[in-house]
Amino acid sequence: MWGFFQNRGYYQFTNGFTTQTATNDGTGTALASFLLGLPAVKQRQAGVPQMQLRQWYGDAFVQDSFQLTHNTTVQVGVRYEYMSPLTDIR
């Protein structure tokens, strides 16, 4: 499994840089911070992470139908799925 998490980076813009009084008084907008290029948070990923993950899974399905009368049929089904947590083999 190859993981490309945030391969284009992560940016978060808030109204903190565009307020009128330099305090968080609610006068600024996140769009204005975006247009000025002033993100509050910025992250990037270095390298390409490679993970050797394994997982066990299984499922089962049981279905039956019962005819109660000539015009009435009841169909019942049950499905069960199990997926173990992902584990790294290294």
C-alpha atoms as a PDB file:
ATOM      1  CA  MET A   1       0.000   0.000   0.000  1.00  0.00           C
ATOM      2  CA  TRP A   2       1.364   3.385  -0.954  1.00  0.00           C
ATOM      3  CA  GLY A   3       0.119   6.358   0.992  1.00  0.00           C
ATOM      4  CA  PHE A   4       0.087   9.815  -0.521  1.00  0.00           C
ATOM      5  CA  PHE A   5      -1.219  11.867   2.352  1.00  0.00           C
ATOM      6  CA  GLN A   6      -1.470  15.567   1.588  1.00  0.00           C
ATOM      7  CA  ASN A   7       0.759  15.305  -1.458  1.00  0.00           C
ATOM      8  CA  ARG A   8      -0.233  18.838  -2.463  1.00  0.00           C
ATOM      9  CA  GLY A   9       0.161  20.241   1.029  1.00  0.00           C
ATOM     10  CA  TYR A  10      -2.384  21.421   3.558  1.00  0.00           C
ATOM     11  CA  TYR A  11      -3.335  25.041   4.049  1.00  0.00           C
ATOM     12  CA  GLN A  12      -5.824  26.551   6.480  1.00  0.00           C
ATOM     13  CA  PHE A  13      -6.942  30.148   6.172  1.00  0.00           C
ATOM     14  CA  THR A  14      -8.669  32.007   9.010  1.00  0.00           C
ATOM     15  CA  ASN A  15      -9.865  35.558   9.530  1.00  0.00           C
ATOM     16  CA  GLY A  16      -7.074  36.352  12.009  1.00  0.00           C
ATOM     17  CA  PHE A  17      -4.757  38.180   9.590  1.00  0.00           C
ATOM     18  CA  THR A  18      -7.419  40.429   8.074  1.00  0.00           C
ATOM     19  CA  THR A  19      -9.177  41.857  11.135  1.00  0.00           C
ATOM     20  CA  GLN A  20      -9.427  45.621  11.542  1.00  0.00           C
ATOM     21  CA  THR A  21      -8.072  45.846  15.093  1.00  0.00           C
ATOM     22  CA  ALA A  22      -5.401  43.090  15.037  1.00  0.00           C
ATOM     23  CA  THR A  23      -7.511  41.089  17.472  1.00  0.00           C
ATOM     24  CA  ASN A  24      -9.914  38.315  16.687  1.00  0.00           C
ATOM     25  CA  ASP A  25     -12.960  40.592  16.629  1.00  0.00           C
ATOM     26  CA  GLY A  26     -14.724  38.855  13.724  1.00  0.00           C
ATOM     27  CA  THR A  27     -14.203  41.629  11.155  1.00  0.00           C
ATOM     28  CA  GLY A  28     -11.822  39.717   8.871  1.00  0.00           C
ATOM     29  CA  THR A  29     -12.529  36.911   6.432  1.00  0.00           C
ATOM     30  CA  ALA A  30     -10.730  33.701   5.553  1.00  0.00           C
ATOM     31  CA  LEU A  31     -11.187  34.489   1.854  1.00  0.00           C
ATOM     32  CA  ALA A  32      -9.236  37.730   2.276  1.00  0.00           C
ATOM     33  CA  SER A  33      -6.440  35.815   4.028  1.00  0.00           C
ATOM     34  CA  PHE A  34      -6.425  33.365   1.117  1.00  0.00           C
ATOM     35  CA  LEU A  35      -6.220  36.145  -1.470  1.00  0.00           C
ATOM     36  CA  LEU A  36      -3.343  37.754   0.437  1.00  0.00           C
ATOM     37  CA  GLY A  37      -1.557  34.400   0.703  1.00  0.00           C
ATOM     38  CA  LEU A  38      -1.467  34.365   4.509  1.00  0.00           C
ATOM     39  CA  PRO A  39      -2.347  30.873   5.778  1.00  0.00           C
ATOM     40  CA  ALA A  40      -2.717  30.299   9.496  1.00  0.00           C
ATOM     41  CA  VAL A  41      -1.517  26.686   9.116  1.00  0.00           C
ATOM     42  CA  LYS A  42       0.566  25.140   6.340  1.00  0.00           C
ATOM     43  CA  GLN A  43       1.974  21.622   6.128  1.00  0.00           C
ATOM     44  CA  ARG A  44       3.664  19.488   3.521  1.00  0.00           C
ATOM     45  CA  GLN A  45       4.763  15.884   3.297  1.00  0.00           C
ATOM     46  CA  ALA A  46       8.412  15.016   2.808  1.00  0.00           C
ATOM     47  CA  GLY A  47       9.009  11.837   0.825  1.00  0.00           C
ATOM     48  CA  VAL A  48       6.648   9.059  -0.106  1.00  0.00           C
ATOM     49  CA  PRO A  49       5.654   6.786   2.797  1.00  0.00           C
ATOM     50  CA  GLN A  50       5.507   3.099   2.031  1.00  0.00           C
ATOM     51  CA  MET A  51       3.482   0.841   4.295  1.00  0.00           C
ATOM     52  CA  GLN A  52       3.212  -2.941   4.249  1.00  0.00           C
ATOM     53  CA  LEU A  53      -0.240  -3.338   5.760  1.00  0.00           C
ATOM     54  CA  ARG A  54      -2.206  -6.541   6.154  1.00  0.00           C
ATOM     55  CA  GLN A  55      -5.819  -7.140   7.128  1.00  0.00           C
ATOM     56  CA  TRP A  56      -8.033 -10.183   7.568  1.00  0.00           C
ATOM     57  CA  TYR A  57     -11.670  -9.975   6.608  1.00  0.00           C
ATOM     58  CA  GLY A  58     -14.598 -12.273   6.116  1.00  0.00           C
ATOM     59  CA  ASP A  59     -18.338 -12.106   5.658  1.00  0.00           C
ATOM     60  CA  ALA A  60     -21.352 -14.377   5.589  1.00  0.00           C
ATOM     61  CA  PHE A  61     -24.943 -14.025   4.451  1.00  0.00           C
ATOM     62  CA  VAL A  62     -27.925 -16.247   5.228  1.00  0.00           C
ATOM     63  CA  GLN A  63     -31.345 -15.806   3.652  1.00  0.00           C
ATOM     64  CA  ASP A  64     -34.572 -17.738   3.851  1.00  0.00           C
ATOM     65  CA  SER A  65     -38.166 -17.187   2.803  1.00  0.00           C
ATOM     66  CA  PHE A  66     -41.347 -18.443   4.441  1.00  0.00           C
ATOM     67  CA  GLN A  67     -44.706 -18.600   2.724  1.00  0.00           C
ATOM     68  CA  LEU A  68     -47.299 -17.900   5.400  1.00  0.00           C
ATOM     69  CA  THR A  69     -50.340 -17.867   3.157  1.00  0.00           C
ATOM     70  CA  HIS A  70     -50.959 -18.049  -0.587  1.00  0.00           C
ATOM     71  CA  ASN A  71     -50.505 -14.249  -0.895  1.00  0.00           C
ATOM     72  CA  THR A  72     -47.965 -13.601   1.911  1.00  0.00           C
ATOM     73  CA  THR A  73     -44.282 -14.489   1.839  1.00  0.00           C
ATOM     74  CA  VAL A  74     -41.747 -13.356   4.455  1.00  0.00           C
ATOM     75  CA  GLN A  75     -38.111 -13.088   3.445  1.00  0.00           C
ATOM     76  CA  VAL A  76     -35.469 -12.833   6.187  1.00  0.00           C
ATOM     77  CA  GLY A  77     -31.762 -12.263   5.723  1.00  0.00           C
ATOM     78  CA  VAL A  78     -28.789 -11.693   8.031  1.00  0.00           C
ATOM     79  CA  ARG A  79     -25.329 -10.484   7.028  1.00  0.00           C
ATOM     80  CA  TYR A  80     -22.197 -10.415   9.182  1.00  0.00           C
ATOM     81  CA  GLU A  81     -18.891  -8.797   8.255  1.00  0.00           C
ATOM     82  CA  TYR A  82     -15.599  -8.868  10.128  1.00  0.00           C
ATOM     83  CA  MET A  83     -12.584  -6.719   9.303  1.00  0.00           C
ATOM     84  CA  SER A  84      -9.533  -6.856  11.528  1.00  0.00           C
ATOM     85  CA  PRO A  85      -7.516  -3.695  12.191  1.00  0.00           C
ATOM     86  CA  LEU A  86      -4.704  -2.878   9.778  1.00  0.00           C
ATOM     87  CA  THR A  87      -1.314  -4.106  10.971  1.00  0.00           C
ATOM     88  CA  ASP A  88       2.115  -3.317   9.572  1.00  0.00           C
ATOM     89  CA  ILE A  89       4.187  -6.422   8.847  1.00  0.00           C
ATOM     90  CA  ARG A  90       7.387  -4.567   9.633  1.00  0.00           C
END
